[in-house]
């Protein structure tokens, strides 16, 4: 049986990988690409060519045939250097704009606690959100 603390945790990752599917792409900063290329020990231009695709003026991680991030293989294969967007999940700025975004995301993420009040959700997101990298 879960403790009261566990029941109030806003998010507990289940490692399901559902957040690695679709959702419009994971945007990459230059810093993200530097970290990933270093971790994979490959030149940044090769990373860009093999594992990203354009999205407007930015780059996003490419998706595999299953619709998941190309770095997903039952677990995140770049977890130590995963992009800012991935590190933030599900504590994203869009929840602060509309708390119903939290409840919508919960429909595809079993780790999101749906029993919290709007205030608890907003407080948790505000506490856990980190500034976006400048690069």
N, C-alpha and C. Protein backbone atom coordinates (compact mmCIF):
# COMPACT_ATOMS: atom_id res chain seq x y z
N UNK A 1 0.84 -1.19 0.00
CA UNK A 1 0.00 0.00 0.00
C UNK A 1 0.88 1.25 0.00
N UNK A 2 0.54 2.23 -0.79
CA UNK A 2 1.32 3.46 -0.90
C UNK A 2 1.09 4.33 0.32
N UNK A 3 2.12 5.04 0.71
CA UNK A 3 2.00 5.97 1.84
C UNK A 3 1.29 7.23 1.39
N UNK A 4 0.86 8.06 2.37
CA UNK A 4 0.22 9.33 2.04
C UNK A 4 1.14 10.21 1.21
N UNK A 5 2.45 10.14 1.50
CA UNK A 5 3.41 10.93 0.75
C UNK A 5 3.42 10.50 -0.72
N UNK A 6 3.43 9.18 -0.95
CA UNK A 6 3.43 8.69 -2.33
C UNK A 6 2.16 9.13 -3.06
N UNK A 7 1.03 9.10 -2.36
CA UNK A 7 -0.23 9.47 -2.98
C UNK A 7 -0.28 10.95 -3.33
N UNK A 8 0.52 11.76 -2.64
CA UNK A 8 0.54 13.20 -2.91
C UNK A 8 1.68 13.59 -3.84
N UNK A 9 2.56 12.66 -4.19
CA UNK A 9 3.63 12.98 -5.13
C UNK A 9 2.99 13.38 -6.45
N UNK A 10 3.37 14.52 -7.02
CA UNK A 10 2.73 14.95 -8.26
C UNK A 10 3.06 14.05 -9.45
N UNK A 11 4.23 13.43 -9.39
CA UNK A 11 4.67 12.62 -10.53
C UNK A 11 5.64 11.56 -10.06
N UNK A 12 5.44 10.34 -10.51
CA UNK A 12 6.36 9.24 -10.25
C UNK A 12 6.57 8.52 -11.58
N UNK A 13 7.75 8.62 -12.14
CA UNK A 13 8.02 8.03 -13.44
C UNK A 13 7.89 6.51 -13.37
N UNK A 14 7.14 5.95 -14.33
CA UNK A 14 6.95 4.50 -14.41
C UNK A 14 7.85 3.87 -15.48
N UNK A 15 8.66 4.69 -16.14
CA UNK A 15 9.57 4.24 -17.20
C UNK A 15 8.83 3.60 -18.38
N UNK A 16 7.60 4.03 -18.61
CA UNK A 16 6.80 3.45 -19.69
C UNK A 16 7.22 3.95 -21.08
N UNK A 17 7.82 5.12 -21.16
CA UNK A 17 8.25 5.67 -22.43
C UNK A 17 7.16 6.36 -23.22
N UNK A 18 5.97 6.47 -22.65
CA UNK A 18 4.88 7.13 -23.37
C UNK A 18 5.19 8.60 -23.64
N UNK A 19 5.96 9.24 -22.78
CA UNK A 19 6.32 10.64 -23.01
C UNK A 19 7.33 10.78 -24.15
N UNK A 20 7.88 9.67 -24.60
CA UNK A 20 8.85 9.67 -25.70
C UNK A 20 8.18 9.47 -27.05
N UNK A 21 6.85 9.48 -27.06
CA UNK A 21 6.07 9.29 -28.29
C UNK A 21 5.51 10.62 -28.76
N UNK A 22 5.69 10.91 -30.01
CA UNK A 22 5.03 12.04 -30.66
C UNK A 22 5.10 13.36 -29.92
N UNK A 23 3.97 13.92 -29.61
CA UNK A 23 3.83 15.18 -28.90
C UNK A 23 4.53 16.34 -29.58
N UNK A 24 4.69 16.31 -30.91
CA UNK A 24 5.22 17.45 -31.63
C UNK A 24 6.72 17.59 -31.65
N UNK A 25 7.43 16.67 -31.08
CA UNK A 25 8.89 16.69 -31.15
C UNK A 25 9.54 17.29 -29.93
N UNK A 26 10.75 16.83 -29.67
CA UNK A 26 11.55 17.34 -28.57
C UNK A 26 12.57 18.31 -29.12
N UNK A 27 12.37 19.60 -28.83
CA UNK A 27 13.27 20.63 -29.32
C UNK A 27 14.62 20.53 -28.65
N UNK A 28 15.66 20.81 -29.43
CA UNK A 28 17.03 20.71 -28.96
C UNK A 28 17.71 22.07 -29.01
N UNK A 29 18.29 22.46 -27.89
CA UNK A 29 19.12 23.66 -27.88
C UNK A 29 20.51 23.25 -28.38
N UNK A 30 21.34 24.24 -28.68
CA UNK A 30 22.73 23.92 -29.06
C UNK A 30 23.42 23.18 -27.92
N UNK A 31 23.12 23.58 -26.69
CA UNK A 31 23.70 22.90 -25.53
C UNK A 31 23.27 21.45 -25.44
N UNK A 32 21.99 21.18 -25.72
CA UNK A 32 21.49 19.80 -25.74
C UNK A 32 22.26 18.99 -26.78
N UNK A 33 22.41 19.56 -27.98
CA UNK A 33 23.09 18.83 -29.05
C UNK A 33 24.56 18.60 -28.72
N UNK A 34 25.21 19.58 -28.09
CA UNK A 34 26.60 19.41 -27.67
C UNK A 34 26.71 18.26 -26.67
N UNK A 35 25.81 18.25 -25.68
CA UNK A 35 25.86 17.21 -24.65
C UNK A 35 25.61 15.83 -25.23
N UNK A 36 24.61 15.73 -26.11
CA UNK A 36 24.28 14.43 -26.70
C UNK A 36 25.40 13.95 -27.61
N UNK A 37 25.94 14.83 -28.44
CA UNK A 37 27.02 14.40 -29.34
C UNK A 37 28.25 13.99 -28.54
N UNK A 38 28.54 14.69 -27.46
CA UNK A 38 29.65 14.29 -26.59
C UNK A 38 29.41 12.94 -25.95
N UNK A 39 28.20 12.73 -25.46
CA UNK A 39 27.85 11.47 -24.82
C UNK A 39 27.94 10.31 -25.80
N UNK A 40 27.50 10.55 -27.03
CA UNK A 40 27.55 9.51 -28.05
C UNK A 40 28.90 9.41 -28.76
N UNK A 41 29.78 10.34 -28.40
CA UNK A 41 31.12 10.39 -28.99
C UNK A 41 31.06 10.47 -30.51
N UNK A 42 30.26 11.44 -30.98
CA UNK A 42 30.16 11.66 -32.42
C UNK A 42 30.15 13.16 -32.68
N UNK A 43 30.63 13.57 -33.83
CA UNK A 43 30.59 14.99 -34.17
C UNK A 43 29.16 15.51 -34.17
N UNK A 44 29.02 16.76 -33.76
CA UNK A 44 27.69 17.35 -33.68
C UNK A 44 26.97 17.34 -35.03
N UNK A 45 27.69 17.61 -36.11
CA UNK A 45 27.03 17.61 -37.43
C UNK A 45 26.50 16.22 -37.78
N UNK A 46 27.18 15.16 -37.34
CA UNK A 46 26.70 13.80 -37.59
C UNK A 46 25.44 13.53 -36.75
N UNK A 47 25.43 13.97 -35.51
CA UNK A 47 24.24 13.84 -34.67
C UNK A 47 23.06 14.52 -35.35
N UNK A 48 23.27 15.74 -35.81
CA UNK A 48 22.20 16.50 -36.47
C UNK A 48 21.70 15.73 -37.68
N UNK A 49 22.59 15.23 -38.48
CA UNK A 49 22.22 14.53 -39.72
C UNK A 49 21.48 13.21 -39.44
N UNK A 50 21.95 12.45 -38.46
CA UNK A 50 21.40 11.11 -38.23
C UNK A 50 20.19 11.07 -37.30
N UNK A 51 20.15 11.99 -36.34
CA UNK A 51 19.18 11.83 -35.26
C UNK A 51 18.23 13.01 -35.04
N UNK A 52 18.28 14.01 -35.90
CA UNK A 52 17.38 15.15 -35.72
C UNK A 52 16.65 15.45 -37.03
N UNK A 53 15.67 16.28 -36.92
CA UNK A 53 14.96 16.77 -38.11
C UNK A 53 14.61 18.23 -37.86
N UNK A 54 14.44 19.00 -38.92
CA UNK A 54 14.11 20.42 -38.75
C UNK A 54 12.66 20.60 -38.30
N UNK A 55 12.48 21.65 -37.52
CA UNK A 55 11.13 22.08 -37.12
C UNK A 55 11.18 23.60 -37.06
N UNK A 56 10.76 24.22 -38.13
CA UNK A 56 10.92 25.68 -38.24
C UNK A 56 12.40 26.00 -38.29
N UNK A 57 12.85 26.91 -37.43
CA UNK A 57 14.26 27.29 -37.37
C UNK A 57 15.04 26.45 -36.36
N UNK A 58 14.37 25.49 -35.74
CA UNK A 58 14.99 24.68 -34.70
C UNK A 58 15.18 23.24 -35.16
N UNK A 59 15.79 22.44 -34.30
CA UNK A 59 15.95 21.01 -34.54
C UNK A 59 15.19 20.26 -33.46
N UNK A 60 14.61 19.12 -33.85
CA UNK A 60 13.96 18.23 -32.90
C UNK A 60 14.56 16.84 -33.07
N UNK A 61 14.45 16.04 -32.02
CA UNK A 61 14.91 14.66 -32.11
C UNK A 61 13.99 13.92 -33.08
N UNK A 62 14.59 13.16 -33.97
CA UNK A 62 13.82 12.37 -34.94
C UNK A 62 13.04 11.27 -34.21
N UNK A 63 12.00 10.80 -34.86
CA UNK A 63 11.20 9.71 -34.32
C UNK A 63 11.47 8.44 -35.13
N UNK A 64 11.43 7.32 -34.43
CA UNK A 64 11.57 6.03 -35.09
C UNK A 64 10.26 5.62 -35.73
N UNK A 65 10.25 4.46 -36.34
CA UNK A 65 9.05 3.94 -37.01
C UNK A 65 7.88 3.77 -36.05
N UNK A 66 8.18 3.54 -34.77
CA UNK A 66 7.11 3.35 -33.77
C UNK A 66 6.58 4.67 -33.23
N UNK A 67 7.09 5.79 -33.74
CA UNK A 67 6.63 7.09 -33.30
C UNK A 67 7.32 7.59 -32.04
N UNK A 68 8.23 6.81 -31.51
CA UNK A 68 8.97 7.22 -30.31
C UNK A 68 10.29 7.89 -30.71
N UNK A 69 10.84 8.61 -29.78
CA UNK A 69 12.17 9.21 -29.93
C UNK A 69 13.16 8.13 -30.38
N UNK A 70 14.04 8.50 -31.30
CA UNK A 70 15.02 7.52 -31.79
C UNK A 70 15.98 7.04 -30.70
N UNK A 71 16.02 7.74 -29.58
CA UNK A 71 16.90 7.33 -28.48
C UNK A 71 16.19 6.45 -27.46
N UNK A 72 14.95 6.07 -27.74
CA UNK A 72 14.21 5.19 -26.84
C UNK A 72 14.45 3.74 -27.25
N UNK A 73 14.87 2.91 -26.30
CA UNK A 73 15.04 1.48 -26.53
C UNK A 73 14.72 0.77 -25.21
N UNK A 74 13.44 0.72 -24.89
CA UNK A 74 12.93 0.22 -23.61
C UNK A 74 13.30 1.14 -22.44
N UNK A 75 14.27 1.96 -22.59
CA UNK A 75 14.67 3.04 -21.69
C UNK A 75 15.34 4.11 -22.54
N UNK A 76 15.50 5.28 -21.98
CA UNK A 76 16.18 6.36 -22.69
C UNK A 76 17.68 6.04 -22.78
N UNK A 77 18.19 5.96 -23.98
CA UNK A 77 19.60 5.60 -24.15
C UNK A 77 20.53 6.80 -23.98
N UNK A 78 19.96 8.01 -23.84
CA UNK A 78 20.78 9.20 -23.58
C UNK A 78 20.37 9.86 -22.27
N UNK A 79 19.81 9.09 -21.36
CA UNK A 79 19.24 9.62 -20.12
C UNK A 79 20.16 10.60 -19.38
N UNK A 80 21.45 10.32 -19.22
CA UNK A 80 22.30 11.27 -18.48
C UNK A 80 22.40 12.66 -19.12
N UNK A 81 22.11 12.75 -20.42
CA UNK A 81 22.23 14.04 -21.12
C UNK A 81 20.94 14.38 -21.86
N UNK A 82 19.82 13.84 -21.40
CA UNK A 82 18.57 14.08 -22.12
C UNK A 82 18.26 15.57 -22.17
N UNK A 83 17.59 16.01 -23.24
CA UNK A 83 17.31 17.42 -23.45
C UNK A 83 16.48 18.05 -22.35
N UNK A 84 16.55 19.38 -22.29
CA UNK A 84 15.82 20.15 -21.29
C UNK A 84 14.35 19.77 -21.28
N UNK A 85 13.73 19.67 -22.45
CA UNK A 85 12.30 19.34 -22.51
C UNK A 85 12.01 18.01 -21.81
N UNK A 86 12.88 17.06 -21.97
CA UNK A 86 12.70 15.75 -21.34
C UNK A 86 12.91 15.83 -19.83
N UNK A 87 13.92 16.58 -19.42
CA UNK A 87 14.19 16.73 -17.98
C UNK A 87 13.04 17.41 -17.27
N UNK A 88 12.32 18.26 -17.94
CA UNK A 88 11.22 19.00 -17.34
C UNK A 88 9.96 18.17 -17.14
N UNK A 89 9.74 17.16 -17.98
CA UNK A 89 8.48 16.43 -17.99
C UNK A 89 8.11 15.91 -16.61
N UNK A 90 6.88 16.07 -16.17
CA UNK A 90 5.76 16.78 -16.77
C UNK A 90 5.60 18.21 -16.25
N UNK A 91 6.66 18.72 -15.66
CA UNK A 91 6.61 20.06 -15.06
C UNK A 91 6.92 21.11 -16.13
N UNK A 92 5.99 21.29 -17.04
CA UNK A 92 6.20 22.16 -18.19
C UNK A 92 5.48 23.50 -18.01
N UNK A 93 6.02 24.55 -18.62
CA UNK A 93 5.41 25.87 -18.48
C UNK A 93 3.94 25.93 -18.91
N UNK A 94 3.55 25.11 -19.87
CA UNK A 94 2.17 25.13 -20.34
C UNK A 94 1.15 24.81 -19.25
N UNK A 95 1.57 24.11 -18.20
CA UNK A 95 0.66 23.81 -17.10
C UNK A 95 0.37 25.08 -16.30
N UNK A 96 1.36 25.95 -16.20
CA UNK A 96 1.15 27.21 -15.48
C UNK A 96 0.16 28.10 -16.23
N UNK A 97 0.15 27.98 -17.55
CA UNK A 97 -0.79 28.75 -18.37
C UNK A 97 -2.20 28.19 -18.24
N UNK A 98 -2.32 26.87 -18.10
CA UNK A 98 -3.63 26.23 -17.97
C UNK A 98 -3.46 24.90 -17.24
N UNK A 99 -3.89 24.85 -16.00
CA UNK A 99 -3.73 23.65 -15.18
C UNK A 99 -4.39 22.42 -15.81
N UNK A 100 -5.36 22.64 -16.69
CA UNK A 100 -6.00 21.51 -17.37
C UNK A 100 -5.04 20.77 -18.29
N UNK A 101 -3.94 21.41 -18.67
CA UNK A 101 -2.91 20.72 -19.45
C UNK A 101 -2.35 19.53 -18.66
N UNK A 102 -2.23 19.68 -17.34
CA UNK A 102 -1.76 18.59 -16.48
C UNK A 102 -2.69 17.39 -16.59
N UNK A 103 -3.96 17.67 -16.51
CA UNK A 103 -4.96 16.59 -16.56
C UNK A 103 -5.01 15.96 -17.96
N UNK A 104 -4.81 16.76 -18.98
CA UNK A 104 -4.77 16.23 -20.35
C UNK A 104 -3.56 15.32 -20.53
N UNK A 105 -2.39 15.74 -20.03
CA UNK A 105 -1.18 14.92 -20.15
C UNK A 105 -1.33 13.62 -19.37
N UNK A 106 -2.08 13.66 -18.27
CA UNK A 106 -2.27 12.47 -17.44
C UNK A 106 -2.97 11.36 -18.22
N UNK A 107 -3.70 11.72 -19.27
CA UNK A 107 -4.36 10.71 -20.09
C UNK A 107 -3.39 9.82 -20.84
N UNK A 108 -2.16 10.29 -21.01
CA UNK A 108 -1.16 9.48 -21.72
C UNK A 108 0.07 9.19 -20.86
N UNK A 109 0.03 9.56 -19.58
CA UNK A 109 1.18 9.32 -18.70
C UNK A 109 0.69 8.74 -17.38
N UNK A 110 0.95 7.46 -17.15
CA UNK A 110 0.48 6.82 -15.92
C UNK A 110 1.17 7.32 -14.65
N UNK A 111 2.26 8.07 -14.80
CA UNK A 111 2.97 8.56 -13.62
C UNK A 111 2.45 9.87 -13.06
N UNK A 112 1.54 10.52 -13.79
CA UNK A 112 1.01 11.81 -13.35
C UNK A 112 -0.13 11.59 -12.36
N UNK A 113 -0.03 12.22 -11.21
CA UNK A 113 -1.04 12.11 -10.17
C UNK A 113 -2.24 12.97 -10.53
N UNK A 114 -3.38 12.35 -10.64
CA UNK A 114 -4.61 13.07 -11.02
C UNK A 114 -5.48 13.42 -9.81
N UNK A 115 -5.02 13.09 -8.61
CA UNK A 115 -5.83 13.36 -7.42
C UNK A 115 -5.52 14.70 -6.78
N UNK A 116 -4.56 15.43 -7.31
CA UNK A 116 -4.17 16.70 -6.73
C UNK A 116 -5.15 17.81 -7.08
N UNK A 117 -5.24 18.79 -6.20
CA UNK A 117 -6.05 19.97 -6.50
C UNK A 117 -5.29 20.83 -7.50
N UNK A 118 -6.00 21.75 -8.13
CA UNK A 118 -5.35 22.68 -9.06
C UNK A 118 -4.20 23.41 -8.37
N UNK A 119 -4.41 23.87 -7.14
CA UNK A 119 -3.36 24.60 -6.41
C UNK A 119 -2.14 23.72 -6.19
N UNK A 120 -2.35 22.45 -5.81
CA UNK A 120 -1.22 21.53 -5.59
C UNK A 120 -0.45 21.30 -6.89
N UNK A 121 -1.17 21.18 -7.99
CA UNK A 121 -0.51 20.99 -9.29
C UNK A 121 0.33 22.22 -9.63
N UNK A 122 -0.27 23.39 -9.54
CA UNK A 122 0.46 24.63 -9.88
C UNK A 122 1.67 24.82 -8.98
N UNK A 123 1.52 24.54 -7.69
CA UNK A 123 2.66 24.67 -6.77
C UNK A 123 3.77 23.69 -7.13
N UNK A 124 3.40 22.44 -7.47
CA UNK A 124 4.41 21.43 -7.83
C UNK A 124 5.14 21.83 -9.10
N UNK A 125 4.41 22.32 -10.09
CA UNK A 125 5.05 22.72 -11.35
C UNK A 125 5.96 23.91 -11.11
N UNK A 126 5.47 24.91 -10.37
CA UNK A 126 6.28 26.10 -10.09
C UNK A 126 7.56 25.72 -9.36
N UNK A 127 7.47 24.77 -8.44
CA UNK A 127 8.63 24.33 -7.65
C UNK A 127 9.64 23.55 -8.51
N UNK A 128 9.15 22.78 -9.46
CA UNK A 128 10.01 21.86 -10.22
C UNK A 128 10.48 22.37 -11.57
N UNK A 129 9.93 23.46 -12.03
CA UNK A 129 10.32 23.97 -13.34
C UNK A 129 11.70 24.64 -13.23
N UNK A 130 12.54 24.39 -14.19
CA UNK A 130 13.86 25.03 -14.20
C UNK A 130 13.95 25.96 -15.41
N UNK A 131 14.74 27.00 -15.28
CA UNK A 131 14.86 27.92 -16.42
C UNK A 131 15.37 27.19 -17.66
N UNK A 132 14.86 27.59 -18.79
CA UNK A 132 15.29 27.02 -20.07
C UNK A 132 16.73 27.46 -20.33
N UNK A 133 17.56 26.54 -20.82
CA UNK A 133 18.95 26.91 -21.15
C UNK A 133 18.99 28.03 -22.18
N UNK A 134 19.99 28.86 -22.07
CA UNK A 134 20.13 30.00 -22.99
C UNK A 134 20.61 29.57 -24.36
N UNK A 135 21.37 28.49 -24.45
CA UNK A 135 21.93 28.08 -25.72
C UNK A 135 21.07 27.07 -26.40
